[in-house]
Amino acid sequence: MTAAARRSDGPVRASEAGSAGDLMTPEEVAQTLRTSRTAVYAMVQRRQLPGVIRIGRRVRVQRGVLLEWLDQNRVPSTHEE
């Protein structure tokens, strides 16, 4: 079923909104956070990451939500002060 067909059947669900490029895999999140995939799964389990979406057993993270969260929680380095 195409995205246009889904839209004509009713409202678009949050899990269907945006493109697949807007969702990150745990591996991509690990690269972004410079940590391991295992650490990402632990953060998901402890509910420490924003924008987590579960699709069956799969875990995806909304790219925009994660990047905004990182920006808001950024601590300036000593060179920026």
N, C-alpha and C. Protein backbone atom coordinates (compact mmCIF):
# COMPACT_ATOMS: atom_id res chain seq x y z
N MET A 1 0.85 -1.18 0.00
CA MET A 1 0.00 0.00 0.00
C MET A 1 0.89 1.24 0.00
N THR A 2 0.57 2.19 -0.82
CA THR A 2 1.36 3.42 -0.91
C THR A 2 0.98 4.38 0.20
N ALA A 3 1.84 5.35 0.42
CA ALA A 3 1.56 6.36 1.45
C ALA A 3 0.31 7.14 1.10
N ALA A 4 0.12 7.43 -0.19
CA ALA A 4 -1.08 8.17 -0.62
C ALA A 4 -2.34 7.36 -0.34
N ALA A 5 -2.27 6.05 -0.55
CA ALA A 5 -3.43 5.20 -0.29
C ALA A 5 -3.74 5.17 1.20
N ARG A 6 -2.71 5.14 2.03
CA ARG A 6 -2.92 5.14 3.48
C ARG A 6 -3.59 6.44 3.91
N ARG A 7 -3.14 7.55 3.35
CA ARG A 7 -3.71 8.84 3.72
C ARG A 7 -5.17 8.94 3.34
N SER A 8 -5.55 8.36 2.22
CA SER A 8 -6.94 8.46 1.80
C SER A 8 -7.86 7.59 2.64
N ASP A 9 -7.30 6.59 3.32
CA ASP A 9 -8.10 5.70 4.16
C ASP A 9 -8.41 6.32 5.52
N GLY A 10 -7.68 7.33 5.92
CA GLY A 10 -7.90 7.95 7.22
C GLY A 10 -6.68 8.73 7.63
N PRO A 11 -6.64 9.15 8.88
CA PRO A 11 -5.51 9.96 9.34
C PRO A 11 -4.21 9.16 9.34
N VAL A 12 -3.12 9.86 9.14
CA VAL A 12 -1.81 9.23 9.15
C VAL A 12 -1.37 9.07 10.60
N ARG A 13 -0.96 7.89 10.94
CA ARG A 13 -0.48 7.63 12.31
C ARG A 13 0.91 8.21 12.47
N ALA A 14 1.28 8.48 13.72
CA ALA A 14 2.60 9.04 13.99
C ALA A 14 3.70 8.11 13.48
N SER A 15 3.47 6.80 13.57
CA SER A 15 4.49 5.86 13.12
C SER A 15 4.63 5.84 11.60
N GLU A 16 3.65 6.39 10.87
CA GLU A 16 3.70 6.43 9.41
C GLU A 16 4.16 7.79 8.90
N ALA A 17 4.20 8.78 9.76
CA ALA A 17 4.55 10.13 9.34
C ALA A 17 6.02 10.21 8.99
N GLY A 18 6.34 11.03 8.02
CA GLY A 18 7.72 11.22 7.61
C GLY A 18 8.21 10.05 6.78
N SER A 19 9.47 10.14 6.40
CA SER A 19 10.05 9.08 5.58
C SER A 19 10.90 8.17 6.44
N ALA A 20 11.31 7.05 5.86
CA ALA A 20 12.15 6.10 6.59
C ALA A 20 13.48 6.75 6.97
N GLY A 21 13.90 7.78 6.24
CA GLY A 21 15.14 8.48 6.55
C GLY A 21 15.06 9.26 7.85
N ASP A 22 13.85 9.49 8.36
CA ASP A 22 13.67 10.21 9.62
C ASP A 22 13.86 9.31 10.83
N LEU A 23 13.95 8.00 10.61
CA LEU A 23 14.12 7.06 11.71
C LEU A 23 15.52 6.49 11.68
N MET A 24 16.13 6.41 12.85
CA MET A 24 17.49 5.90 12.96
C MET A 24 17.47 4.51 13.56
N THR A 25 18.38 3.66 13.10
CA THR A 25 18.55 2.34 13.69
C THR A 25 19.40 2.49 14.96
N PRO A 26 19.39 1.49 15.83
CA PRO A 26 20.26 1.55 17.01
C PRO A 26 21.74 1.73 16.64
N GLU A 27 22.15 1.16 15.52
CA GLU A 27 23.54 1.32 15.07
C GLU A 27 23.84 2.78 14.73
N GLU A 28 22.90 3.45 14.05
CA GLU A 28 23.09 4.86 13.70
C GLU A 28 23.08 5.73 14.94
N VAL A 29 22.23 5.41 15.89
CA VAL A 29 22.19 6.16 17.15
C VAL A 29 23.52 6.00 17.89
N ALA A 30 24.03 4.78 17.90
CA ALA A 30 25.32 4.51 18.57
C ALA A 30 26.43 5.33 17.94
N GLN A 31 26.45 5.42 16.61
CA GLN A 31 27.47 6.23 15.93
C GLN A 31 27.32 7.70 16.29
N THR A 32 26.07 8.18 16.33
CA THR A 32 25.82 9.59 16.65
C THR A 32 26.26 9.91 18.07
N LEU A 33 25.98 9.00 18.99
CA LEU A 33 26.31 9.22 20.40
C LEU A 33 27.73 8.77 20.76
N ARG A 34 28.42 8.18 19.76
CA ARG A 34 29.77 7.66 19.97
C ARG A 34 29.81 6.66 21.12
N THR A 35 28.92 5.68 21.03
CA THR A 35 28.84 4.63 22.03
C THR A 35 28.56 3.31 21.32
N SER A 36 28.29 2.28 22.07
CA SER A 36 28.03 0.97 21.48
C SER A 36 26.53 0.75 21.25
N ARG A 37 26.23 -0.19 20.39
CA ARG A 37 24.84 -0.55 20.14
C ARG A 37 24.21 -1.11 21.41
N THR A 38 24.99 -1.87 22.18
CA THR A 38 24.50 -2.43 23.44
C THR A 38 24.11 -1.32 24.41
N ALA A 39 24.91 -0.26 24.46
CA ALA A 39 24.60 0.88 25.34
C ALA A 39 23.31 1.57 24.89
N VAL A 40 23.09 1.66 23.58
CA VAL A 40 21.86 2.27 23.07
C VAL A 40 20.65 1.45 23.51
N TYR A 41 20.73 0.11 23.36
CA TYR A 41 19.61 -0.74 23.79
C TYR A 41 19.37 -0.59 25.30
N ALA A 42 20.43 -0.44 26.08
CA ALA A 42 20.27 -0.24 27.53
C ALA A 42 19.58 1.09 27.81
N MET A 43 19.94 2.13 27.07
CA MET A 43 19.31 3.44 27.24
C MET A 43 17.83 3.39 26.86
N VAL A 44 17.52 2.62 25.81
CA VAL A 44 16.12 2.46 25.41
C VAL A 44 15.35 1.76 26.52
N GLN A 45 15.92 0.69 27.06
CA GLN A 45 15.24 -0.06 28.12
C GLN A 45 15.02 0.80 29.36
N ARG A 46 15.97 1.67 29.68
CA ARG A 46 15.85 2.55 30.86
C ARG A 46 15.08 3.83 30.55
N ARG A 47 14.57 3.93 29.30
CA ARG A 47 13.81 5.10 28.85
C ARG A 47 14.61 6.39 28.96
N GLN A 48 15.88 6.33 28.59
CA GLN A 48 16.75 7.50 28.66
C GLN A 48 16.87 8.22 27.32
N LEU A 49 16.38 7.61 26.24
CA LEU A 49 16.45 8.24 24.92
C LEU A 49 15.08 8.74 24.50
N PRO A 50 15.02 9.94 23.93
CA PRO A 50 13.73 10.44 23.43
C PRO A 50 13.47 9.94 22.02
N GLY A 51 12.22 9.95 21.61
CA GLY A 51 11.86 9.64 20.24
C GLY A 51 11.94 8.18 19.86
N VAL A 52 11.89 7.29 20.84
CA VAL A 52 12.00 5.85 20.55
C VAL A 52 10.66 5.33 20.04
N ILE A 53 10.73 4.58 18.96
CA ILE A 53 9.55 3.95 18.38
C ILE A 53 9.84 2.46 18.27
N ARG A 54 8.91 1.66 18.76
CA ARG A 54 9.04 0.21 18.61
C ARG A 54 8.12 -0.23 17.50
N ILE A 55 8.67 -0.97 16.56
CA ILE A 55 7.91 -1.53 15.45
C ILE A 55 8.07 -3.04 15.59
N GLY A 56 7.10 -3.65 16.25
CA GLY A 56 7.26 -5.06 16.60
C GLY A 56 8.40 -5.18 17.59
N ARG A 57 9.39 -5.98 17.25
CA ARG A 57 10.57 -6.12 18.11
C ARG A 57 11.67 -5.14 17.74
N ARG A 58 11.49 -4.44 16.64
CA ARG A 58 12.52 -3.50 16.18
C ARG A 58 12.44 -2.18 16.93
N VAL A 59 13.59 -1.57 17.09
CA VAL A 59 13.68 -0.27 17.76
C VAL A 59 14.18 0.74 16.74
N ARG A 60 13.51 1.87 16.67
CA ARG A 60 13.93 2.99 15.83
C ARG A 60 13.84 4.25 16.67
N VAL A 61 14.63 5.25 16.30
CA VAL A 61 14.64 6.52 17.03
C VAL A 61 14.44 7.64 16.02
N GLN A 62 13.54 8.56 16.35
CA GLN A 62 13.27 9.70 15.47
C GLN A 62 14.48 10.62 15.46
N ARG A 63 15.04 10.80 14.28
CA ARG A 63 16.28 11.57 14.12
C ARG A 63 16.14 13.00 14.66
N GLY A 64 15.09 13.71 14.27
CA GLY A 64 14.92 15.10 14.69
C GLY A 64 14.79 15.25 16.20
N VAL A 65 14.04 14.33 16.81
CA VAL A 65 13.84 14.38 18.26
C VAL A 65 15.17 14.14 18.98
N LEU A 66 15.94 13.15 18.51
CA LEU A 66 17.22 12.84 19.14
C LEU A 66 18.19 14.01 18.99
N LEU A 67 18.28 14.57 17.80
CA LEU A 67 19.22 15.68 17.58
C LEU A 67 18.84 16.93 18.38
N GLU A 68 17.54 17.19 18.50
CA GLU A 68 17.09 18.33 19.31
C GLU A 68 17.43 18.10 20.78
N TRP A 69 17.22 16.86 21.26
CA TRP A 69 17.54 16.50 22.64
C TRP A 69 19.03 16.67 22.90
N LEU A 70 19.86 16.25 21.94
CA LEU A 70 21.31 16.40 22.10
C LEU A 70 21.68 17.88 22.17
N ASP A 71 21.07 18.69 21.33
CA ASP A 71 21.37 20.12 21.31
C ASP A 71 20.97 20.78 22.63
N GLN A 72 19.82 20.39 23.16
CA GLN A 72 19.34 20.98 24.42
C GLN A 72 20.19 20.55 25.61
N ASN A 73 20.77 19.37 25.54
CA ASN A 73 21.56 18.85 26.66
C ASN A 73 23.06 19.02 26.46
N ARG A 74 23.42 19.80 25.48
CA ARG A 74 24.84 20.03 25.19
C ARG A 74 25.46 20.89 26.28
N VAL A 75 26.65 20.49 26.69
CA VAL A 75 27.40 21.27 27.67
C VAL A 75 28.56 21.93 26.92
N PRO A 76 28.69 23.26 27.03
CA PRO A 76 29.76 23.92 26.29
C PRO A 76 31.14 23.44 26.77
N SER A 77 32.05 23.32 25.82
CA SER A 77 33.41 22.94 26.19
C SER A 77 34.10 24.14 26.82
N THR A 78 35.25 23.89 27.41
CA THR A 78 35.98 24.98 28.05
C THR A 78 36.48 25.99 27.03
N HIS A 79 36.60 25.58 25.76
CA HIS A 79 37.03 26.49 24.70
C HIS A 79 35.94 27.44 24.26
N GLU A 80 34.67 27.10 24.54
CA GLU A 80 33.54 27.92 24.11
C GLU A 80 33.21 29.00 25.13
N GLU A 81 33.71 28.91 26.32
CA GLU A 81 33.34 29.87 27.36
C GLU A 81 34.05 31.18 27.21
